[in-house]
């Protein structure tokens, strides 16, 4: 199947409208809580940046600030290439709906094929049971699926220790682990990783804090081009303070290599 045949590629598609301007259609299938999933929106922006930099198509470092809740429907991505060097380019981009700026981004792009495949880390790959022993995201309670239609955009299999929140028995640990794969068996690539780092439910669910946790800022680093196959994703938080929490994410590919990591600051879900 070519890229245009995959659901995800249709949903992040952009159309050039002029120099540095791209039209996009924000898909309602990525709604969660009171807005659209921030990782999906980052992938839409990332796709527009990729279109602006054919010689440097891969996100390396992306920092996004979420200014207001994005809604399904038409949007525009404005891309400003600030500097293009021999190895990397620096880009500013904004996602706008009507007169409202929704997200502003500063990013470094390059060609990961030129960076080499050597990834060394002291991080530990998540220990997940086999797929058939994990819990499908599609088996989440109806109220969770209603809150997050985006759960239907991919196949997610949770570590059994991390799904107590779904039956009112949260683990009390700020950790969430899962296998991940897009619909249509669409293989991962660097732009899709911008979505994956924000795909799991908030780790606050396992702390007994249910509800939408809107992202304020998210910084993602793509460390290598992912191999085909299932991804392993791990989210963790260590601090809740001032009504906010940080969420650290690691993404590992099917070869056991760390391919992306991120940190975001989000608002704690309201308890009343």
C-alpha atoms as a PDB file:
ATOM      1  CA  UNK A   1       0.000   0.000   0.000  1.00  0.00           C
ATOM      2  CA  UNK A   2       1.393   3.431  -0.917  1.00  0.00           C
ATOM      3  CA  UNK A   3       1.485   6.240   1.635  1.00  0.00           C
ATOM      4  CA  UNK A   4      -1.734   7.855   0.368  1.00  0.00           C
ATOM      5  CA  UNK A   5      -3.571   4.586   1.035  1.00  0.00           C
ATOM      6  CA  UNK A   6      -2.854   4.645   4.773  1.00  0.00           C
ATOM      7  CA  UNK A   7      -5.396   6.226   7.091  1.00  0.00           C
ATOM      8  CA  UNK A   8      -2.743   8.093   9.074  1.00  0.00           C
ATOM      9  CA  UNK A   9      -1.153   9.665   5.998  1.00  0.00           C
ATOM     10  CA  UNK A  10      -4.530  10.914   4.788  1.00  0.00           C
ATOM     11  CA  UNK A  11      -5.198  12.419   8.204  1.00  0.00           C
ATOM     12  CA  UNK A  12      -1.910  14.353   8.382  1.00  0.00           C
ATOM     13  CA  UNK A  13      -1.955  15.385   4.707  1.00  0.00           C
ATOM     14  CA  UNK A  14      -1.200  19.005   3.823  1.00  0.00           C
ATOM     15  CA  UNK A  15      -1.648  20.945   0.584  1.00  0.00           C
ATOM     16  CA  UNK A  16       0.707  23.745  -0.449  1.00  0.00           C
ATOM     17  CA  UNK A  17      -1.123  27.081  -0.775  1.00  0.00           C
ATOM     18  CA  UNK A  18       1.804  29.382  -1.346  1.00  0.00           C
ATOM     19  CA  UNK A  19       5.302  29.959  -0.088  1.00  0.00           C
ATOM     20  CA  UNK A  20       5.496  28.445   3.392  1.00  0.00           C
ATOM     21  CA  UNK A  21       1.714  28.002   3.714  1.00  0.00           C
ATOM     22  CA  UNK A  22      -0.082  24.653   3.862  1.00  0.00           C
ATOM     23  CA  UNK A  23      -3.757  23.794   4.202  1.00  0.00           C
ATOM     24  CA  UNK A  24      -4.729  20.892   6.468  1.00  0.00           C
ATOM     25  CA  UNK A  25      -7.962  19.223   7.564  1.00  0.00           C
ATOM     26  CA  UNK A  26      -7.917  18.300  11.244  1.00  0.00           C
ATOM     27  CA  UNK A  27      -9.558  14.898  11.507  1.00  0.00           C
ATOM     28  CA  UNK A  28     -12.290  14.390  14.166  1.00  0.00           C
ATOM     29  CA  UNK A  29     -11.030  10.854  14.770  1.00  0.00           C
ATOM     30  CA  UNK A  30      -8.193  12.298  16.879  1.00  0.00           C
ATOM     31  CA  UNK A  31     -10.367  14.093  19.424  1.00  0.00           C
ATOM     32  CA  UNK A  32      -9.596  13.498  23.107  1.00  0.00           C
ATOM     33  CA  UNK A  33     -11.389  15.265  25.930  1.00  0.00           C
ATOM     34  CA  UNK A  34     -11.856  18.931  25.111  1.00  0.00           C
ATOM     35  CA  UNK A  35      -9.677  19.098  22.014  1.00  0.00           C
ATOM     36  CA  UNK A  36      -7.590  17.249  19.461  1.00  0.00           C
ATOM     37  CA  UNK A  37      -4.643  15.079  20.498  1.00  0.00           C
ATOM     38  CA  UNK A  38      -1.459  17.141  20.664  1.00  0.00           C
ATOM     39  CA  UNK A  39       0.785  14.445  19.198  1.00  0.00           C
ATOM     40  CA  UNK A  40      -1.413  14.070  16.111  1.00  0.00           C
ATOM     41  CA  UNK A  41      -1.373  17.848  15.626  1.00  0.00           C
ATOM     42  CA  UNK A  42       2.410  17.841  15.966  1.00  0.00           C
ATOM     43  CA  UNK A  43       2.555  15.228  13.194  1.00  0.00           C
ATOM     44  CA  UNK A  44       0.385  17.460  10.957  1.00  0.00           C
ATOM     45  CA  UNK A  45       2.779  20.349  11.548  1.00  0.00           C
ATOM     46  CA  UNK A  46       5.745  18.001  11.122  1.00  0.00           C
ATOM     47  CA  UNK A  47       4.390  16.887   7.752  1.00  0.00           C
ATOM     48  CA  UNK A  48       4.153  20.502   6.578  1.00  0.00           C
ATOM     49  CA  UNK A  49       7.736  21.146   7.690  1.00  0.00           C
ATOM     50  CA  UNK A  50       8.808  17.978   5.858  1.00  0.00           C
ATOM     51  CA  UNK A  51       7.162  19.305   2.688  1.00  0.00           C
ATOM     52  CA  UNK A  52       9.175  22.518   3.041  1.00  0.00           C
ATOM     53  CA  UNK A  53      12.518  20.705   3.420  1.00  0.00           C
ATOM     54  CA  UNK A  54      12.772  17.915   0.822  1.00  0.00           C
ATOM     55  CA  UNK A  55      16.508  17.467   1.463  1.00  0.00           C
ATOM     56  CA  UNK A  56      16.014  17.335   5.263  1.00  0.00           C
ATOM     57  CA  UNK A  57      12.694  15.520   5.757  1.00  0.00           C
ATOM     58  CA  UNK A  58      13.121  14.174   9.283  1.00  0.00           C
ATOM     59  CA  UNK A  59      12.326  15.815  12.639  1.00  0.00           C
ATOM     60  CA  UNK A  60      15.302  15.768  14.997  1.00  0.00           C
ATOM     61  CA  UNK A  61      14.193  18.109  17.800  1.00  0.00           C
ATOM     62  CA  UNK A  62      10.747  19.676  18.043  1.00  0.00           C
ATOM     63  CA  UNK A  63       9.418  21.969  20.762  1.00  0.00           C
ATOM     64  CA  UNK A  64       5.723  22.874  20.674  1.00  0.00           C
ATOM     65  CA  UNK A  65       3.649  25.277  22.758  1.00  0.00           C
ATOM     66  CA  UNK A  66      -0.100  24.653  22.793  1.00  0.00           C
ATOM     67  CA  UNK A  67      -1.815  28.031  22.876  1.00  0.00           C
ATOM     68  CA  UNK A  68      -5.483  27.052  22.556  1.00  0.00           C
ATOM     69  CA  UNK A  69      -7.554  23.947  21.917  1.00  0.00           C
ATOM     70  CA  UNK A  70      -7.601  22.878  18.270  1.00  0.00           C
ATOM     71  CA  UNK A  71     -10.933  21.780  16.786  1.00  0.00           C
ATOM     72  CA  UNK A  72     -11.626  19.369  13.918  1.00  0.00           C
ATOM     73  CA  UNK A  73     -11.903  21.089  10.569  1.00  0.00           C
ATOM     74  CA  UNK A  74      -9.813  23.343   8.333  1.00  0.00           C
ATOM     75  CA  UNK A  75      -6.471  24.691   9.531  1.00  0.00           C
ATOM     76  CA  UNK A  76      -3.370  26.283   8.068  1.00  0.00           C
ATOM     77  CA  UNK A  77       0.269  25.587   8.886  1.00  0.00           C
ATOM     78  CA  UNK A  78       2.693  28.451   8.261  1.00  0.00           C
ATOM     79  CA  UNK A  79       6.329  27.352   7.953  1.00  0.00           C
ATOM     80  CA  UNK A  80       9.288  29.733   8.179  1.00  0.00           C
ATOM     81  CA  UNK A  81      12.708  28.211   7.455  1.00  0.00           C
ATOM     82  CA  UNK A  82      15.003  30.303   9.661  1.00  0.00           C
ATOM     83  CA  UNK A  83      18.259  28.627   8.634  1.00  0.00           C
ATOM     84  CA  UNK A  84      19.226  25.724   6.413  1.00  0.00           C
ATOM     85  CA  UNK A  85      22.767  24.463   6.886  1.00  0.00           C
ATOM     86  CA  UNK A  86      24.626  21.507   5.498  1.00  0.00           C
ATOM     87  CA  UNK A  87      23.374  18.986   8.054  1.00  0.00           C
ATOM     88  CA  UNK A  88      20.308  20.489   9.754  1.00  0.00           C
ATOM     89  CA  UNK A  89      17.715  23.217   9.275  1.00  0.00           C
ATOM     90  CA  UNK A  90      15.954  25.328  11.896  1.00  0.00           C
ATOM     91  CA  UNK A  91      12.280  26.061  11.303  1.00  0.00           C
ATOM     92  CA  UNK A  92       9.462  27.955  13.008  1.00  0.00           C
ATOM     93  CA  UNK A  93       5.902  26.841  12.320  1.00  0.00           C
ATOM     94  CA  UNK A  94       2.406  27.768  13.495  1.00  0.00           C
ATOM     95  CA  UNK A  95      -0.913  25.975  13.236  1.00  0.00           C
ATOM     96  CA  UNK A  96      -3.762  28.462  12.849  1.00  0.00           C
ATOM     97  CA  UNK A  97      -7.538  28.148  12.659  1.00  0.00           C
ATOM     98  CA  UNK A  98      -9.314  31.305  11.547  1.00  0.00           C
ATOM     99  CA  UNK A  99      -7.764  34.138  13.528  1.00  0.00           C
ATOM    100  CA  UNK A 100      -6.646  31.860  16.364  1.00  0.00           C
ATOM    101  CA  UNK A 101      -3.105  30.552  16.746  1.00  0.00           C
ATOM    102  CA  UNK A 102      -3.382  27.031  18.142  1.00  0.00           C
ATOM    103  CA  UNK A 103       0.212  25.769  18.299  1.00  0.00           C
ATOM    104  CA  UNK A 104       3.598  27.369  17.780  1.00  0.00           C
ATOM    105  CA  UNK A 105       6.664  25.221  17.083  1.00  0.00           C
ATOM    106  CA  UNK A 106      10.423  25.598  16.788  1.00  0.00           C
ATOM    107  CA  UNK A 107      12.111  22.581  15.195  1.00  0.00           C
ATOM    108  CA  UNK A 108      15.379  21.175  13.911  1.00  0.00           C
ATOM    109  CA  UNK A 109      15.130  18.921  10.843  1.00  0.00           C
ATOM    110  CA  UNK A 110      17.678  16.817   9.005  1.00  0.00           C
ATOM    111  CA  UNK A 111      18.143  13.540   7.143  1.00  0.00           C
ATOM    112  CA  UNK A 112      18.429  10.732   9.688  1.00  0.00           C
ATOM    113  CA  UNK A 113      19.962   8.443   7.076  1.00  0.00           C
ATOM    114  CA  UNK A 114      23.023  10.705   7.174  1.00  0.00           C
ATOM    115  CA  UNK A 115      23.281  10.578  10.980  1.00  0.00           C
ATOM    116  CA  UNK A 116      24.210   6.900  11.269  1.00  0.00           C
ATOM    117  CA  UNK A 117      22.460   4.086  13.120  1.00  0.00           C
ATOM    118  CA  UNK A 118      24.528   4.059  16.312  1.00  0.00           C
ATOM    119  CA  UNK A 119      22.230   4.654  19.304  1.00  0.00           C
ATOM    120  CA  UNK A 120      23.838   4.160  22.728  1.00  0.00           C
ATOM    121  CA  UNK A 121      21.824   4.595  25.909  1.00  0.00           C
ATOM    122  CA  UNK A 122      21.729   3.648  29.571  1.00  0.00           C
ATOM    123  CA  UNK A 123      17.912   3.677  29.385  1.00  0.00           C
ATOM    124  CA  UNK A 124      16.269   0.287  29.824  1.00  0.00           C
ATOM    125  CA  UNK A 125      13.884  -1.062  27.196  1.00  0.00           C
ATOM    126  CA  UNK A 126      10.388  -1.628  28.666  1.00  0.00           C
ATOM    127  CA  UNK A 127       9.722  -5.235  29.662  1.00  0.00           C
ATOM    128  CA  UNK A 128       6.333  -5.984  28.091  1.00  0.00           C
ATOM    129  CA  UNK A 129       4.584  -9.369  28.023  1.00  0.00           C
ATOM    130  CA  UNK A 130       3.853 -10.867  24.591  1.00  0.00           C
ATOM    131  CA  UNK A 131       1.150  -9.080  22.592  1.00  0.00           C
ATOM    132  CA  UNK A 132      -1.445 -11.772  23.269  1.00  0.00           C
ATOM    133  CA  UNK A 133      -0.977 -11.355  27.031  1.00  0.00           C
ATOM    134  CA  UNK A 134      -1.446  -7.578  26.991  1.00  0.00           C
ATOM    135  CA  UNK A 135      -4.739  -5.654  27.229  1.00  0.00           C
ATOM    136  CA  UNK A 136      -6.159  -4.105  24.055  1.00  0.00           C
ATOM    137  CA  UNK A 137      -6.944  -0.415  24.132  1.00  0.00           C
ATOM    138  CA  UNK A 138     -10.206  -1.188  22.345  1.00  0.00           C
ATOM    139  CA  UNK A 139     -11.307  -3.028  25.518  1.00  0.00           C
ATOM    140  CA  UNK A 140     -11.260   0.197  27.545  1.00  0.00           C
ATOM    141  CA  UNK A 141     -14.513   1.188  29.304  1.00  0.00           C
ATOM    142  CA  UNK A 142     -17.122   2.830  27.023  1.00  0.00           C
ATOM    143  CA  UNK A 143     -16.764   6.172  28.821  1.00  0.00           C
ATOM    144  CA  UNK A 144     -13.019   6.227  28.051  1.00  0.00           C
ATOM    145  CA  UNK A 145     -13.579   5.372  24.381  1.00  0.00           C
ATOM    146  CA  UNK A 146     -16.217   8.108  24.216  1.00  0.00           C
ATOM    147  CA  UNK A 147     -13.784  10.602  25.759  1.00  0.00           C
ATOM    148  CA  UNK A 148     -10.990   9.589  23.361  1.00  0.00           C
ATOM    149  CA  UNK A 149     -12.130   8.576  19.836  1.00  0.00           C
ATOM    150  CA  UNK A 150      -8.422   8.610  18.932  1.00  0.00           C
ATOM    151  CA  UNK A 151      -8.140   5.167  20.555  1.00  0.00           C
ATOM    152  CA  UNK A 152      -9.641   3.811  17.344  1.00  0.00           C
ATOM    153  CA  UNK A 153      -6.779   5.122  15.222  1.00  0.00           C
ATOM    154  CA  UNK A 154      -4.265   2.478  16.312  1.00  0.00           C
ATOM    155  CA  UNK A 155      -3.744  -0.856  18.014  1.00  0.00           C
ATOM    156  CA  UNK A 156      -2.434  -0.406  21.532  1.00  0.00           C
ATOM    157  CA  UNK A 157      -1.740  -3.302  23.926  1.00  0.00           C
ATOM    158  CA  UNK A 158      -1.192  -2.292  27.565  1.00  0.00           C
ATOM    159  CA  UNK A 159       0.959  -3.977  30.176  1.00  0.00           C
ATOM    160  CA  UNK A 160      -1.550  -5.757  32.457  1.00  0.00           C
ATOM    161  CA  UNK A 161      -0.069  -4.006  35.504  1.00  0.00           C
ATOM    162  CA  UNK A 162      -0.937  -0.587  34.045  1.00  0.00           C
ATOM    163  CA  UNK A 163      -4.681  -0.897  33.322  1.00  0.00           C
ATOM    164  CA  UNK A 164      -6.192  -1.018  36.810  1.00  0.00           C
ATOM    165  CA  UNK A 165      -7.500   2.515  36.263  1.00  0.00           C
ATOM    166  CA  UNK A 166      -9.970   1.117  33.724  1.00  0.00           C
ATOM    167  CA  UNK A 167     -11.814  -0.787  36.490  1.00  0.00           C
ATOM    168  CA  UNK A 168     -11.405   1.775  39.250  1.00  0.00           C
ATOM    169  CA  UNK A 169      -8.221   0.255  40.669  1.00  0.00           C
ATOM    170  CA  UNK A 170      -5.321   2.510  39.586  1.00  0.00           C
ATOM    171  CA  UNK A 171      -1.855   1.151  40.321  1.00  0.00           C
ATOM    172  CA  UNK A 172      -0.700   4.253  42.200  1.00  0.00           C
ATOM    173  CA  UNK A 173       2.423   4.300  40.014  1.00  0.00           C
ATOM    174  CA  UNK A 174       2.962   7.145  37.535  1.00  0.00           C
ATOM    175  CA  UNK A 175       3.805   4.743  34.708  1.00  0.00           C
ATOM    176  CA  UNK A 176       2.057   3.600  31.513  1.00  0.00           C
ATOM    177  CA  UNK A 177       3.520   0.981  29.117  1.00  0.00           C
ATOM    178  CA  UNK A 178       2.152  -0.416  25.880  1.00  0.00           C
ATOM    179  CA  UNK A 179       2.816  -1.981  22.512  1.00  0.00           C
ATOM    180  CA  UNK A 180       1.795   0.373  19.694  1.00  0.00           C
ATOM    181  CA  UNK A 181       0.996   0.095  15.999  1.00  0.00           C
ATOM    182  CA  UNK A 182      -0.967   2.344  13.636  1.00  0.00           C
ATOM    183  CA  UNK A 183      -4.048   1.147  11.769  1.00  0.00           C
ATOM    184  CA  UNK A 184      -3.526  -0.609   8.423  1.00  0.00           C
ATOM    185  CA  UNK A 185      -0.193  -1.930   9.780  1.00  0.00           C
ATOM    186  CA  UNK A 186       1.247   1.392   8.690  1.00  0.00           C
ATOM    187  CA  UNK A 187       4.943   1.237   9.579  1.00  0.00           C
ATOM    188  CA  UNK A 188       6.450   3.899  11.848  1.00  0.00           C
ATOM    189  CA  UNK A 189       8.561   6.723  10.465  1.00  0.00           C
ATOM    190  CA  UNK A 190      10.131   9.831  12.047  1.00  0.00           C
ATOM    191  CA  UNK A 191       7.070  12.077  11.556  1.00  0.00           C
ATOM    192  CA  UNK A 192       4.690   9.481  12.998  1.00  0.00           C
ATOM    193  CA  UNK A 193       6.895   9.314  16.113  1.00  0.00           C
ATOM    194  CA  UNK A 194       5.824  12.902  16.862  1.00  0.00           C
ATOM    195  CA  UNK A 195       2.348  11.472  17.401  1.00  0.00           C
ATOM    196  CA  UNK A 196       3.437   8.310  19.211  1.00  0.00           C
ATOM    197  CA  UNK A 197       5.107  10.264  22.046  1.00  0.00           C
ATOM    198  CA  UNK A 198       1.657  11.609  23.003  1.00  0.00           C
ATOM    199  CA  UNK A 199      -0.535   8.607  22.144  1.00  0.00           C
ATOM    200  CA  UNK A 200      -0.910   6.786  25.478  1.00  0.00           C
ATOM    201  CA  UNK A 201      -3.498   7.846  28.074  1.00  0.00           C
ATOM    202  CA  UNK A 202      -2.131  10.304  30.648  1.00  0.00           C
ATOM    203  CA  UNK A 203      -0.048   8.614  33.340  1.00  0.00           C
ATOM    204  CA  UNK A 204      -2.239  10.441  35.850  1.00  0.00           C
ATOM    205  CA  UNK A 205      -4.895   7.766  35.198  1.00  0.00           C
ATOM    206  CA  UNK A 206      -2.719   5.379  37.204  1.00  0.00           C
ATOM    207  CA  UNK A 207      -2.611   7.940  40.018  1.00  0.00           C
ATOM    208  CA  UNK A 208      -6.406   7.944  40.227  1.00  0.00           C
ATOM    209  CA  UNK A 209      -6.769  11.252  38.364  1.00  0.00           C
ATOM    210  CA  UNK A 210      -9.074  10.563  35.434  1.00  0.00           C
ATOM    211  CA  UNK A 211      -9.928  13.093  32.749  1.00  0.00           C
ATOM    212  CA  UNK A 212      -8.419  15.172  29.995  1.00  0.00           C
ATOM    213  CA  UNK A 213      -4.896  16.468  30.699  1.00  0.00           C
ATOM    214  CA  UNK A 214      -4.209  19.240  28.144  1.00  0.00           C
ATOM    215  CA  UNK A 215      -0.582  19.695  27.091  1.00  0.00           C
ATOM    216  CA  UNK A 216       1.057  23.071  27.659  1.00  0.00           C
ATOM    217  CA  UNK A 217       4.458  22.295  26.106  1.00  0.00           C
ATOM    218  CA  UNK A 218       5.979  19.223  24.478  1.00  0.00           C
ATOM    219  CA  UNK A 219       9.595  18.673  23.396  1.00  0.00           C
ATOM    220  CA  UNK A 220      10.379  15.608  21.284  1.00  0.00           C
ATOM    221  CA  UNK A 221      13.723  14.215  20.105  1.00  0.00           C
ATOM    222  CA  UNK A 222      13.826  11.671  17.283  1.00  0.00           C
ATOM    223  CA  UNK A 223      17.028   9.674  17.708  1.00  0.00           C
ATOM    224  CA  UNK A 224      16.878   7.238  14.775  1.00  0.00           C
ATOM    225  CA  UNK A 225      14.675   6.024  11.947  1.00  0.00           C
ATOM    226  CA  UNK A 226      12.455   3.273  13.408  1.00  0.00           C
ATOM    227  CA  UNK A 227      12.525  -0.276  12.047  1.00  0.00           C
ATOM    228  CA  UNK A 228       9.259  -1.794  10.776  1.00  0.00           C
ATOM    229  CA  UNK A 229       7.014  -3.507  13.279  1.00  0.00           C
ATOM    230  CA  UNK A 230       5.504  -2.883  16.686  1.00  0.00           C
ATOM    231  CA  UNK A 231       6.796  -0.104  18.922  1.00  0.00           C
ATOM    232  CA  UNK A 232       7.179  -0.209  22.695  1.00  0.00           C
ATOM    233  CA  UNK A 233       6.131   3.000  24.467  1.00  0.00           C
ATOM    234  CA  UNK A 234       6.691   3.961  28.097  1.00  0.00           C
ATOM    235  CA  UNK A 235       5.385   7.082  29.863  1.00  0.00           C
ATOM    236  CA  UNK A 236       6.331   8.147  33.385  1.00  0.00           C
ATOM    237  CA  UNK A 237       5.806  11.057  35.753  1.00  0.00           C
ATOM    238  CA  UNK A 238       7.567  11.814  39.018  1.00  0.00           C
ATOM    239  CA  UNK A 239       6.124  15.193  39.969  1.00  0.00           C
ATOM    240  CA  UNK A 240       2.694  16.764  40.335  1.00  0.00           C
ATOM    241  CA  UNK A 241       2.894  20.371  41.500  1.00  0.00           C
ATOM    242  CA  UNK A 242       0.870  23.517  41.045  1.00  0.00           C
ATOM    243  CA  UNK A 243      -1.844  21.665  39.151  1.00  0.00           C
ATOM    244  CA  UNK A 244       0.652  20.451  36.531  1.00  0.00           C
ATOM    245  CA  UNK A 245       2.714  17.330  35.900  1.00  0.00           C
ATOM    246  CA  UNK A 246       5.553  16.335  33.598  1.00  0.00           C
ATOM    247  CA  UNK A 247       5.319  13.236  31.413  1.00  0.00           C
ATOM    248  CA  UNK A 248       8.479  11.611  30.061  1.00  0.00           C
ATOM    249  CA  UNK A 249       8.190   9.221  27.124  1.00  0.00           C
ATOM    250  CA  UNK A 250      10.521   6.714  25.470  1.00  0.00           C
ATOM    251  CA  UNK A 251       9.761   4.905  22.208  1.00  0.00           C
ATOM    252  CA  UNK A 252      11.616   1.723  21.255  1.00  0.00           C
ATOM    253  CA  UNK A 253      11.416   0.011  17.855  1.00  0.00           C
ATOM    254  CA  UNK A 254      11.126  -3.683  17.000  1.00  0.00           C
ATOM    255  CA  UNK A 255      14.908  -4.127  17.105  1.00  0.00           C
ATOM    256  CA  UNK A 256      15.089  -2.920  20.715  1.00  0.00           C
ATOM    257  CA  UNK A 257      16.520   0.478  19.796  1.00  0.00           C
ATOM    258  CA  UNK A 258      15.531   3.767  21.428  1.00  0.00           C
ATOM    259  CA  UNK A 259      14.170   5.856  18.520  1.00  0.00           C
ATOM    260  CA  UNK A 260      12.380   8.765  20.219  1.00  0.00           C
ATOM    261  CA  UNK A 261      11.961  10.436  23.570  1.00  0.00           C
ATOM    262  CA  UNK A 262       9.966  13.387  24.827  1.00  0.00           C
ATOM    263  CA  UNK A 263       8.979  15.431  27.840  1.00  0.00           C
ATOM    264  CA  UNK A 264       5.786  17.388  28.142  1.00  0.00           C
ATOM    265  CA  UNK A 265       4.241  19.624  30.768  1.00  0.00           C
ATOM    266  CA  UNK A 266       0.478  19.160  31.107  1.00  0.00           C
ATOM    267  CA  UNK A 267      -2.360  20.342  33.293  1.00  0.00           C
ATOM    268  CA  UNK A 268      -3.502  17.906  35.939  1.00  0.00           C
ATOM    269  CA  UNK A 269      -7.020  16.579  35.205  1.00  0.00           C
ATOM    270  CA  UNK A 270      -9.734  18.309  37.176  1.00  0.00           C
ATOM    271  CA  UNK A 271     -11.167  16.163  39.943  1.00  0.00           C
ATOM    272  CA  UNK A 272     -14.468  18.011  40.176  1.00  0.00           C
END
